Amino acid sequence: METIFLVGFMGTGKTTIGEKLAHIIKVPFYDLDLQIEKSQKKSIPTIFKEDGENMFRKYETEELKKMPIKNAVVSTGGGIVSKDENIHYLLKNGVVVYLDTPIEVIYNRVSKDSNRPNAHQKTKNELELLFERRLPFYEKAHFTIHTNGKMPDEITMEIINCLTNRKGGDSSNKKIES
């Protein structure tokens, strides 16, 4: 089985869904942000503060390429798509699932979270602009799952259904929205 890479803006539930999905399909789960923190021996906010976002993106790309490309679920950071190199790598080396969540929901989840340097104390408009810049890259995913109003178990089952349906056809970039 190809690795499943979960992409989407911060606060869409990638880690929660990734853990559930990995448990159900019985493969290891990796949170890319946690892998970065382990390798750099500091938190994401500290990396942003001490090294800057550009260096964080470099670390992110390095850690992405260390992830297994078979038999795993990987939750990526919301900005992984900021580098063309990363989105091309994801699409080539796994099944990419975009968790699509409305910006209003995202804003309520992340605006006060000090562990999210790109969101902490930003206005809704500032987050919306960042989201809109990333959206065309998220939309390149093999599958889009609309999460609004759904429970994590329901979202997880939708992903499994998409993956099951995909096995019946070719492995090119099919767009199946659920």
N, C-alpha and C. Protein backbone atom coordinates (compact mmCIF):
# COMPACT_ATOMS: atom_id res chain seq x y z
N MET A 1 0.84 -1.19 0.00
CA MET A 1 0.00 0.00 0.00
C MET A 1 0.88 1.25 0.00
N GLU A 2 0.49 2.21 -0.83
CA GLU A 2 1.20 3.49 -0.84
C GLU A 2 0.93 4.23 0.48
N THR A 3 1.89 5.04 0.88
CA THR A 3 1.67 5.88 2.06
C THR A 3 0.57 6.89 1.76
N ILE A 4 -0.23 7.16 2.77
CA ILE A 4 -1.30 8.15 2.67
C ILE A 4 -0.79 9.42 3.33
N PHE A 5 -0.72 10.49 2.56
CA PHE A 5 -0.29 11.79 3.07
C PHE A 5 -1.52 12.68 3.24
N LEU A 6 -1.76 13.14 4.46
CA LEU A 6 -2.88 14.04 4.72
C LEU A 6 -2.38 15.48 4.62
N VAL A 7 -3.03 16.27 3.79
CA VAL A 7 -2.69 17.68 3.64
C VAL A 7 -3.91 18.53 3.93
N GLY A 8 -3.67 19.79 4.19
CA GLY A 8 -4.74 20.74 4.46
C GLY A 8 -4.22 21.83 5.37
N PHE A 9 -4.99 22.87 5.49
CA PHE A 9 -4.60 24.01 6.31
C PHE A 9 -4.50 23.58 7.76
N MET A 10 -3.78 24.35 8.55
CA MET A 10 -3.68 24.04 9.98
C MET A 10 -5.08 24.00 10.59
N GLY A 11 -5.26 23.10 11.53
CA GLY A 11 -6.53 23.02 12.23
C GLY A 11 -7.62 22.23 11.53
N THR A 12 -7.25 21.49 10.47
CA THR A 12 -8.28 20.72 9.76
C THR A 12 -8.47 19.32 10.33
N GLY A 13 -7.61 18.93 11.26
CA GLY A 13 -7.75 17.62 11.89
C GLY A 13 -6.85 16.55 11.31
N LYS A 14 -5.79 16.94 10.63
CA LYS A 14 -4.90 15.97 9.99
C LYS A 14 -4.32 14.96 10.98
N THR A 15 -3.90 15.43 12.14
CA THR A 15 -3.31 14.53 13.12
C THR A 15 -4.36 13.59 13.71
N THR A 16 -5.49 14.12 14.10
CA THR A 16 -6.57 13.31 14.66
C THR A 16 -7.01 12.24 13.66
N ILE A 17 -7.27 12.65 12.44
CA ILE A 17 -7.73 11.73 11.40
C ILE A 17 -6.62 10.74 11.06
N GLY A 18 -5.39 11.22 10.97
CA GLY A 18 -4.27 10.35 10.64
C GLY A 18 -4.08 9.23 11.65
N GLU A 19 -4.18 9.58 12.92
CA GLU A 19 -4.05 8.56 13.97
C GLU A 19 -5.15 7.51 13.85
N LYS A 20 -6.39 7.96 13.64
CA LYS A 20 -7.51 7.03 13.52
C LYS A 20 -7.35 6.14 12.28
N LEU A 21 -7.00 6.76 11.18
CA LEU A 21 -6.84 6.03 9.92
C LEU A 21 -5.75 4.97 10.04
N ALA A 22 -4.61 5.35 10.57
CA ALA A 22 -3.50 4.41 10.73
C ALA A 22 -3.89 3.24 11.62
N HIS A 23 -4.63 3.53 12.68
CA HIS A 23 -5.08 2.47 13.60
C HIS A 23 -6.00 1.48 12.88
N ILE A 24 -6.93 2.00 12.10
CA ILE A 24 -7.90 1.14 11.42
C ILE A 24 -7.22 0.28 10.35
N ILE A 25 -6.32 0.88 9.56
CA ILE A 25 -5.70 0.11 8.47
C ILE A 25 -4.41 -0.58 8.92
N LYS A 26 -4.09 -0.42 10.19
CA LYS A 26 -2.98 -1.14 10.83
C LYS A 26 -1.62 -0.86 10.17
N VAL A 27 -1.30 0.44 10.07
CA VAL A 27 0.02 0.87 9.61
C VAL A 27 0.53 1.94 10.57
N PRO A 28 1.83 2.22 10.55
CA PRO A 28 2.37 3.27 11.43
C PRO A 28 1.85 4.65 11.04
N PHE A 29 1.74 5.51 12.05
CA PHE A 29 1.35 6.91 11.86
C PHE A 29 2.54 7.81 12.17
N TYR A 30 2.74 8.82 11.32
CA TYR A 30 3.79 9.81 11.52
C TYR A 30 3.19 11.20 11.44
N ASP A 31 3.53 12.03 12.40
CA ASP A 31 3.17 13.45 12.37
C ASP A 31 4.44 14.19 11.98
N LEU A 32 4.43 14.79 10.80
CA LEU A 32 5.64 15.42 10.28
C LEU A 32 6.15 16.52 11.20
N ASP A 33 5.26 17.30 11.79
CA ASP A 33 5.70 18.36 12.72
C ASP A 33 6.43 17.76 13.93
N LEU A 34 5.92 16.65 14.44
CA LEU A 34 6.61 16.00 15.57
C LEU A 34 7.97 15.46 15.16
N GLN A 35 8.07 14.97 13.94
CA GLN A 35 9.35 14.48 13.44
C GLN A 35 10.36 15.63 13.35
N ILE A 36 9.89 16.80 12.92
CA ILE A 36 10.76 17.97 12.84
C ILE A 36 11.22 18.37 14.24
N GLU A 37 10.29 18.40 15.18
CA GLU A 37 10.65 18.76 16.56
C GLU A 37 11.68 17.79 17.13
N LYS A 38 11.53 16.51 16.85
CA LYS A 38 12.49 15.51 17.33
C LYS A 38 13.86 15.73 16.70
N SER A 39 13.89 15.92 15.40
CA SER A 39 15.19 16.05 14.73
C SER A 39 15.90 17.35 15.09
N GLN A 40 15.14 18.42 15.33
CA GLN A 40 15.75 19.71 15.65
C GLN A 40 15.87 19.93 17.16
N LYS A 41 15.25 19.05 17.92
CA LYS A 41 15.28 19.13 19.39
C LYS A 41 14.74 20.45 19.93
N LYS A 42 13.71 20.95 19.26
CA LYS A 42 13.01 22.15 19.73
C LYS A 42 11.62 22.20 19.12
N SER A 43 10.75 22.99 19.75
CA SER A 43 9.37 23.08 19.31
C SER A 43 9.25 23.87 18.02
N ILE A 44 8.13 23.69 17.34
CA ILE A 44 7.86 24.45 16.10
C ILE A 44 7.90 25.96 16.38
N PRO A 45 7.21 26.46 17.43
CA PRO A 45 7.30 27.91 17.68
C PRO A 45 8.74 28.38 17.91
N THR A 46 9.54 27.58 18.59
CA THR A 46 10.94 27.95 18.82
C THR A 46 11.72 27.96 17.51
N ILE A 47 11.47 26.99 16.66
CA ILE A 47 12.14 26.97 15.35
C ILE A 47 11.78 28.23 14.57
N PHE A 48 10.50 28.58 14.54
CA PHE A 48 10.07 29.79 13.83
C PHE A 48 10.77 31.02 14.41
N LYS A 49 10.84 31.09 15.73
CA LYS A 49 11.42 32.26 16.40
C LYS A 49 12.93 32.33 16.20
N GLU A 50 13.62 31.21 16.39
CA GLU A 50 15.09 31.22 16.34
C GLU A 50 15.66 31.07 14.93
N ASP A 51 15.01 30.24 14.11
CA ASP A 51 15.57 29.92 12.80
C ASP A 51 14.81 30.57 11.64
N GLY A 52 13.55 30.94 11.88
CA GLY A 52 12.73 31.56 10.83
C GLY A 52 11.93 30.53 10.05
N GLU A 53 10.91 31.02 9.37
CA GLU A 53 10.03 30.13 8.61
C GLU A 53 10.76 29.46 7.45
N ASN A 54 11.66 30.16 6.78
CA ASN A 54 12.37 29.55 5.65
C ASN A 54 13.17 28.32 6.09
N MET A 55 13.83 28.43 7.22
CA MET A 55 14.60 27.29 7.72
C MET A 55 13.67 26.17 8.15
N PHE A 56 12.53 26.52 8.76
CA PHE A 56 11.54 25.51 9.11
C PHE A 56 11.11 24.74 7.87
N ARG A 57 10.85 25.45 6.78
CA ARG A 57 10.42 24.80 5.53
C ARG A 57 11.52 23.87 5.00
N LYS A 58 12.76 24.24 5.19
CA LYS A 58 13.88 23.37 4.80
C LYS A 58 13.86 22.09 5.64
N TYR A 59 13.70 22.23 6.94
CA TYR A 59 13.62 21.07 7.82
C TYR A 59 12.43 20.18 7.42
N GLU A 60 11.33 20.83 7.09
CA GLU A 60 10.11 20.11 6.72
C GLU A 60 10.34 19.24 5.48
N THR A 61 11.01 19.80 4.48
CA THR A 61 11.31 19.06 3.26
C THR A 61 12.24 17.89 3.56
N GLU A 62 13.25 18.12 4.39
CA GLU A 62 14.18 17.06 4.76
C GLU A 62 13.45 15.91 5.46
N GLU A 63 12.58 16.25 6.40
CA GLU A 63 11.86 15.21 7.15
C GLU A 63 10.85 14.49 6.26
N LEU A 64 10.21 15.21 5.35
CA LEU A 64 9.27 14.59 4.43
C LEU A 64 9.95 13.46 3.66
N LYS A 65 11.15 13.72 3.20
CA LYS A 65 11.87 12.73 2.39
C LYS A 65 12.36 11.54 3.21
N LYS A 66 12.28 11.63 4.52
CA LYS A 66 12.63 10.50 5.39
C LYS A 66 11.43 9.61 5.69
N MET A 67 10.24 10.09 5.35
CA MET A 67 9.02 9.33 5.64
C MET A 67 8.93 8.12 4.71
N PRO A 68 8.35 7.02 5.22
CA PRO A 68 8.17 5.85 4.37
C PRO A 68 7.19 6.15 3.24
N ILE A 69 7.41 5.54 2.09
CA ILE A 69 6.49 5.75 0.97
C ILE A 69 5.60 4.51 0.76
N LYS A 70 5.69 3.58 1.68
CA LYS A 70 4.82 2.41 1.67
C LYS A 70 4.31 2.16 3.10
N ASN A 71 3.06 1.75 3.19
CA ASN A 71 2.48 1.25 4.44
C ASN A 71 2.60 2.21 5.62
N ALA A 72 2.13 3.43 5.45
CA ALA A 72 2.13 4.42 6.53
C ALA A 72 1.06 5.48 6.26
N VAL A 73 0.73 6.22 7.31
CA VAL A 73 -0.10 7.42 7.21
C VAL A 73 0.74 8.55 7.77
N VAL A 74 0.83 9.65 7.01
CA VAL A 74 1.63 10.81 7.41
C VAL A 74 0.75 12.04 7.44
N SER A 75 0.71 12.70 8.59
CA SER A 75 0.05 13.99 8.73
C SER A 75 1.10 15.06 8.46
N THR A 76 0.86 15.87 7.44
CA THR A 76 1.82 16.92 7.09
C THR A 76 1.43 18.24 7.75
N GLY A 77 2.35 19.18 7.74
CA GLY A 77 2.05 20.51 8.22
C GLY A 77 1.24 21.28 7.18
N GLY A 78 0.48 22.27 7.62
CA GLY A 78 -0.38 23.02 6.73
C GLY A 78 0.34 23.74 5.61
N GLY A 79 1.61 24.08 5.83
CA GLY A 79 2.36 24.82 4.82
C GLY A 79 3.27 23.98 3.96
N ILE A 80 3.17 22.66 4.06
CA ILE A 80 4.06 21.80 3.28
C ILE A 80 3.95 22.08 1.79
N VAL A 81 2.77 22.50 1.37
CA VAL A 81 2.54 22.76 -0.06
C VAL A 81 3.15 24.08 -0.51
N SER A 82 3.74 24.83 0.42
CA SER A 82 4.35 26.12 0.07
C SER A 82 5.53 25.95 -0.89
N LYS A 83 6.11 24.76 -0.90
CA LYS A 83 7.23 24.49 -1.81
C LYS A 83 6.76 23.51 -2.88
N ASP A 84 6.94 23.90 -4.15
CA ASP A 84 6.57 23.02 -5.26
C ASP A 84 7.21 21.64 -5.12
N GLU A 85 8.45 21.63 -4.69
CA GLU A 85 9.19 20.38 -4.52
C GLU A 85 8.41 19.41 -3.63
N ASN A 86 7.79 19.92 -2.58
CA ASN A 86 7.07 19.06 -1.65
C ASN A 86 5.79 18.49 -2.24
N ILE A 87 4.99 19.33 -2.88
CA ILE A 87 3.72 18.83 -3.42
C ILE A 87 3.99 17.80 -4.51
N HIS A 88 5.02 18.02 -5.32
CA HIS A 88 5.36 17.05 -6.37
C HIS A 88 5.82 15.73 -5.74
N TYR A 89 6.59 15.82 -4.67
CA TYR A 89 7.06 14.64 -3.97
C TYR A 89 5.88 13.85 -3.40
N LEU A 90 4.97 14.55 -2.75
CA LEU A 90 3.79 13.90 -2.16
C LEU A 90 2.99 13.16 -3.22
N LEU A 91 2.69 13.84 -4.32
CA LEU A 91 1.86 13.26 -5.37
C LEU A 91 2.53 12.06 -6.03
N LYS A 92 3.83 12.10 -6.14
CA LYS A 92 4.59 11.03 -6.80
C LYS A 92 4.76 9.81 -5.88
N ASN A 93 4.85 10.04 -4.59
CA ASN A 93 5.25 8.98 -3.67
C ASN A 93 4.16 8.46 -2.74
N GLY A 94 2.92 8.83 -2.97
CA GLY A 94 1.86 8.34 -2.11
C GLY A 94 0.50 8.77 -2.60
N VAL A 95 -0.48 8.54 -1.76
CA VAL A 95 -1.85 8.99 -2.03
C VAL A 95 -2.07 10.22 -1.16
N VAL A 96 -2.41 11.33 -1.80
CA VAL A 96 -2.56 12.59 -1.10
C VAL A 96 -4.05 12.87 -0.88
N VAL A 97 -4.41 13.10 0.38
CA VAL A 97 -5.80 13.36 0.76
C VAL A 97 -5.85 14.76 1.38
N TYR A 98 -6.66 15.61 0.79
CA TYR A 98 -6.85 16.99 1.27
C TYR A 98 -8.06 17.04 2.17
N LEU A 99 -7.86 17.45 3.42
CA LEU A 99 -8.96 17.66 4.35
C LEU A 99 -9.41 19.11 4.23
N ASP A 100 -10.55 19.29 3.60
CA ASP A 100 -11.10 20.61 3.29
C ASP A 100 -12.05 21.04 4.41
N THR A 101 -11.65 22.09 5.10
CA THR A 101 -12.42 22.63 6.23
C THR A 101 -12.63 24.13 6.01
N PRO A 102 -13.82 24.65 6.24
CA PRO A 102 -14.07 26.08 6.04
C PRO A 102 -13.17 26.96 6.93
N ILE A 103 -12.77 28.09 6.40
CA ILE A 103 -11.85 28.98 7.11
C ILE A 103 -12.45 29.46 8.43
N GLU A 104 -13.77 29.61 8.51
CA GLU A 104 -14.39 30.05 9.77
C GLU A 104 -14.13 29.03 10.88
N VAL A 105 -14.24 27.76 10.54
CA VAL A 105 -13.99 26.68 11.50
C VAL A 105 -12.52 26.68 11.89
N ILE A 106 -11.66 26.79 10.90
CA ILE A 106 -10.21 26.81 11.14
C ILE A 106 -9.85 27.96 12.06
N TYR A 107 -10.36 29.14 11.76
CA TYR A 107 -10.04 30.32 12.56
C TYR A 107 -10.41 30.11 14.03
N ASN A 108 -11.58 29.57 14.26
CA ASN A 108 -12.02 29.31 15.64
C ASN A 108 -11.12 28.30 16.34
N ARG A 109 -10.57 27.37 15.60
CA ARG A 109 -9.71 26.34 16.19
C ARG A 109 -8.29 26.84 16.48
N VAL A 110 -7.75 27.69 15.61
CA VAL A 110 -6.30 27.97 15.69
C VAL A 110 -5.90 29.38 16.09
N SER A 111 -6.79 30.33 16.04
CA SER A 111 -6.39 31.73 16.22
C SER A 111 -5.75 32.03 17.57
N LYS A 112 -6.11 31.30 18.58
CA LYS A 112 -5.57 31.55 19.92
C LYS A 112 -4.49 30.53 20.32
N ASP A 113 -4.12 29.66 19.40
CA ASP A 113 -3.18 28.57 19.69
C ASP A 113 -1.74 29.05 19.52
N SER A 114 -1.04 29.22 20.62
CA SER A 114 0.34 29.73 20.57
C SER A 114 1.32 28.72 19.99
N ASN A 115 0.90 27.47 19.79
CA ASN A 115 1.76 26.47 19.16
C ASN A 115 1.70 26.51 17.64
N ARG A 116 0.95 27.46 17.10
CA ARG A 116 0.83 27.61 15.65
C ARG A 116 1.34 29.00 15.26
N PRO A 117 2.63 29.11 14.98
CA PRO A 117 3.22 30.43 14.73
C PRO A 117 2.61 31.18 13.55
N ASN A 118 2.10 30.48 12.56
CA ASN A 118 1.50 31.16 11.41
C ASN A 118 0.04 31.55 11.66
N ALA A 119 -0.48 31.23 12.84
CA ALA A 119 -1.88 31.55 13.14
C ALA A 119 -2.04 32.39 14.39
N HIS A 120 -1.16 32.23 15.34
CA HIS A 120 -1.32 32.86 16.65
C HIS A 120 -1.50 34.37 16.52
N GLN A 121 -2.63 34.84 17.01
CA GLN A 121 -3.00 36.25 17.04
C GLN A 121 -3.09 36.91 15.67
N LYS A 122 -3.38 36.09 14.64
CA LYS A 122 -3.63 36.65 13.32
C LYS A 122 -5.12 36.93 13.20
N THR A 123 -5.45 37.91 12.38
CA THR A 123 -6.86 38.19 12.13
C THR A 123 -7.43 37.10 11.22
N LYS A 124 -8.74 37.02 11.19
CA LYS A 124 -9.38 36.06 10.30
C LYS A 124 -9.00 36.36 8.85
N ASN A 125 -8.94 37.63 8.50
CA ASN A 125 -8.58 38.02 7.14
C ASN A 125 -7.15 37.58 6.79
N GLU A 126 -6.23 37.75 7.72
CA GLU A 126 -4.84 37.32 7.47
C GLU A 126 -4.76 35.81 7.25
N LEU A 127 -5.49 35.04 8.06
CA LEU A 127 -5.51 33.59 7.88
C LEU A 127 -6.16 33.21 6.55
N GLU A 128 -7.22 33.93 6.22
CA GLU A 128 -7.93 33.65 4.97
C GLU A 128 -7.02 33.88 3.77
N LEU A 129 -6.22 34.92 3.79
CA LEU A 129 -5.29 35.20 2.68
C LEU A 129 -4.25 34.09 2.56
N LEU A 130 -3.72 33.63 3.68
CA LEU A 130 -2.75 32.53 3.67
C LEU A 130 -3.39 31.26 3.13
N PHE A 131 -4.60 30.99 3.58
CA PHE A 131 -5.35 29.82 3.11
C PHE A 131 -5.56 29.89 1.60
N GLU A 132 -5.97 31.04 1.10
CA GLU A 132 -6.24 31.20 -0.33
C GLU A 132 -4.99 31.01 -1.18
N ARG A 133 -3.82 31.42 -0.65
CA ARG A 133 -2.56 31.21 -1.38
C ARG A 133 -2.22 29.72 -1.48
N ARG A 134 -2.58 28.97 -0.47
CA ARG A 134 -2.25 27.54 -0.44
C ARG A 134 -3.30 26.66 -1.12
N LEU A 135 -4.51 27.14 -1.23
CA LEU A 135 -5.63 26.33 -1.73
C LEU A 135 -5.36 25.66 -3.08
N PRO A 136 -4.80 26.35 -4.08
CA PRO A 136 -4.57 25.66 -5.37
C PRO A 136 -3.64 24.45 -5.23
N PHE A 137 -2.76 24.48 -4.26
CA PHE A 137 -1.85 23.36 -4.06
C PHE A 137 -2.54 22.21 -3.32
N TYR A 138 -3.37 22.54 -2.33
CA TYR A 138 -4.15 21.51 -1.65
C TYR A 138 -5.04 20.77 -2.66
N GLU A 139 -5.60 21.54 -3.57
CA GLU A 139 -6.56 20.97 -4.53
C GLU A 139 -5.91 20.04 -5.55
N LYS A 140 -4.60 19.92 -5.55
CA LYS A 140 -3.92 18.97 -6.42
C LYS A 140 -3.97 17.55 -5.86
N ALA A 141 -4.45 17.41 -4.64
CA ALA A 141 -4.50 16.10 -3.97
C ALA A 141 -5.31 15.10 -4.80
N HIS A 142 -5.03 13.83 -4.58
CA HIS A 142 -5.78 12.78 -5.25
C HIS A 142 -7.24 12.76 -4.82
N PHE A 143 -7.48 13.06 -3.54
CA PHE A 143 -8.83 13.05 -2.99
C PHE A 143 -9.05 14.29 -2.13
N THR A 144 -10.26 14.79 -2.16
CA THR A 144 -10.67 15.89 -1.28
C THR A 144 -11.80 15.38 -0.40
N ILE A 145 -11.63 15.55 0.90
CA ILE A 145 -12.66 15.16 1.86
C ILE A 145 -13.16 16.43 2.54
N HIS A 146 -14.44 16.72 2.39
CA HIS A 146 -15.04 17.88 3.05
C HIS A 146 -15.36 17.48 4.49
N THR A 147 -14.80 18.19 5.44
CA THR A 147 -14.89 17.78 6.85
C THR A 147 -15.95 18.51 7.65
N ASN A 148 -16.50 19.58 7.12
CA ASN A 148 -17.40 20.41 7.91
C ASN A 148 -18.61 19.64 8.43
N GLY A 149 -18.79 19.71 9.74
CA GLY A 149 -19.93 19.08 10.37
C GLY A 149 -19.81 17.58 10.53
N LYS A 150 -18.65 17.03 10.25
CA LYS A 150 -18.47 15.57 10.34
C LYS A 150 -17.58 15.23 11.52
N MET A 151 -17.84 14.08 12.09
CA MET A 151 -17.04 13.55 13.20
C MET A 151 -15.80 12.86 12.62
N PRO A 152 -14.73 12.80 13.40
CA PRO A 152 -13.49 12.17 12.91
C PRO A 152 -13.69 10.75 12.38
N ASP A 153 -14.52 9.94 13.03
CA ASP A 153 -14.74 8.57 12.54
C ASP A 153 -15.38 8.57 11.15
N GLU A 154 -16.29 9.49 10.92
CA GLU A 154 -16.96 9.60 9.63
C GLU A 154 -15.97 10.02 8.54
N ILE A 155 -15.12 10.97 8.84
CA ILE A 155 -14.10 11.43 7.89
C ILE A 155 -13.14 10.29 7.57
N THR A 156 -12.73 9.57 8.60
CA THR A 156 -11.81 8.46 8.42
C THR A 156 -12.42 7.40 7.50
N MET A 157 -13.67 7.08 7.69
CA MET A 157 -14.33 6.08 6.84
C MET A 157 -14.48 6.58 5.40
N GLU A 158 -14.67 7.87 5.22
CA GLU A 158 -14.74 8.41 3.86
C GLU A 158 -13.41 8.24 3.15
N ILE A 159 -12.32 8.45 3.87
CA ILE A 159 -10.99 8.24 3.28
C ILE A 159 -10.81 6.78 2.89
N ILE A 160 -11.18 5.88 3.77
CA ILE A 160 -11.06 4.45 3.48
C ILE A 160 -11.90 4.09 2.25
N ASN A 161 -13.10 4.63 2.15
CA ASN A 161 -13.94 4.37 0.97
C ASN A 161 -13.29 4.89 -0.31
N CYS A 162 -12.69 6.07 -0.25
CA CYS A 162 -11.99 6.61 -1.42
C CYS A 162 -10.84 5.71 -1.83
N LEU A 163 -10.08 5.25 -0.86
CA LEU A 163 -8.93 4.39 -1.14
C LEU A 163 -9.39 3.05 -1.71
N THR A 164 -10.46 2.51 -1.18
CA THR A 164 -11.00 1.24 -1.68
C THR A 164 -11.48 1.39 -3.11
N ASN A 165 -12.19 2.47 -3.41
CA ASN A 165 -12.69 2.73 -4.77
C ASN A 165 -11.55 2.96 -5.74
N ARG A 166 -10.47 3.56 -5.27
CA ARG A 166 -9.32 3.86 -6.12
C ARG A 166 -8.65 2.59 -6.61
N LYS A 167 -8.65 1.56 -5.79
CA LYS A 167 -7.99 0.31 -6.16
C LYS A 167 -8.59 -0.33 -7.40
N GLY A 168 -9.83 0.00 -7.70
CA GLY A 168 -10.50 -0.59 -8.86
C GLY A 168 -10.08 0.01 -10.18
N GLY A 169 -9.42 1.17 -10.17
CA GLY A 169 -9.04 1.83 -11.42
C GLY A 169 -7.55 2.01 -11.51
N ASP A 170 -7.12 2.87 -12.41
CA ASP A 170 -5.69 3.10 -12.55
C ASP A 170 -5.19 3.95 -11.39
N SER A 171 -3.87 4.10 -11.30
CA SER A 171 -3.30 4.83 -10.15
C SER A 171 -2.92 6.26 -10.50
N SER A 172 -3.44 6.77 -11.61
CA SER A 172 -3.15 8.17 -11.94
C SER A 172 -3.91 9.09 -11.00
N ASN A 173 -3.65 10.36 -11.09
CA ASN A 173 -4.26 11.33 -10.17
C ASN A 173 -5.75 11.49 -10.45
N LYS A 174 -6.53 10.64 -9.87
CA LYS A 174 -7.99 10.75 -9.98
C LYS A 174 -8.47 11.74 -8.94
N LYS A 175 -9.45 12.51 -9.29
CA LYS A 175 -10.04 13.44 -8.33
C LYS A 175 -11.40 12.89 -7.94
N ILE A 176 -11.47 12.37 -6.74
CA ILE A 176 -12.75 11.89 -6.22
C ILE A 176 -13.04 12.71 -4.98
N GLU A 177 -14.10 13.45 -5.03
CA GLU A 177 -14.46 14.27 -3.87
C GLU A 177 -15.52 13.53 -3.08
N SER A 178 -15.39 13.64 -1.79
CA SER A 178 -16.37 13.00 -0.93
C SER A 178 -16.97 14.03 -0.01
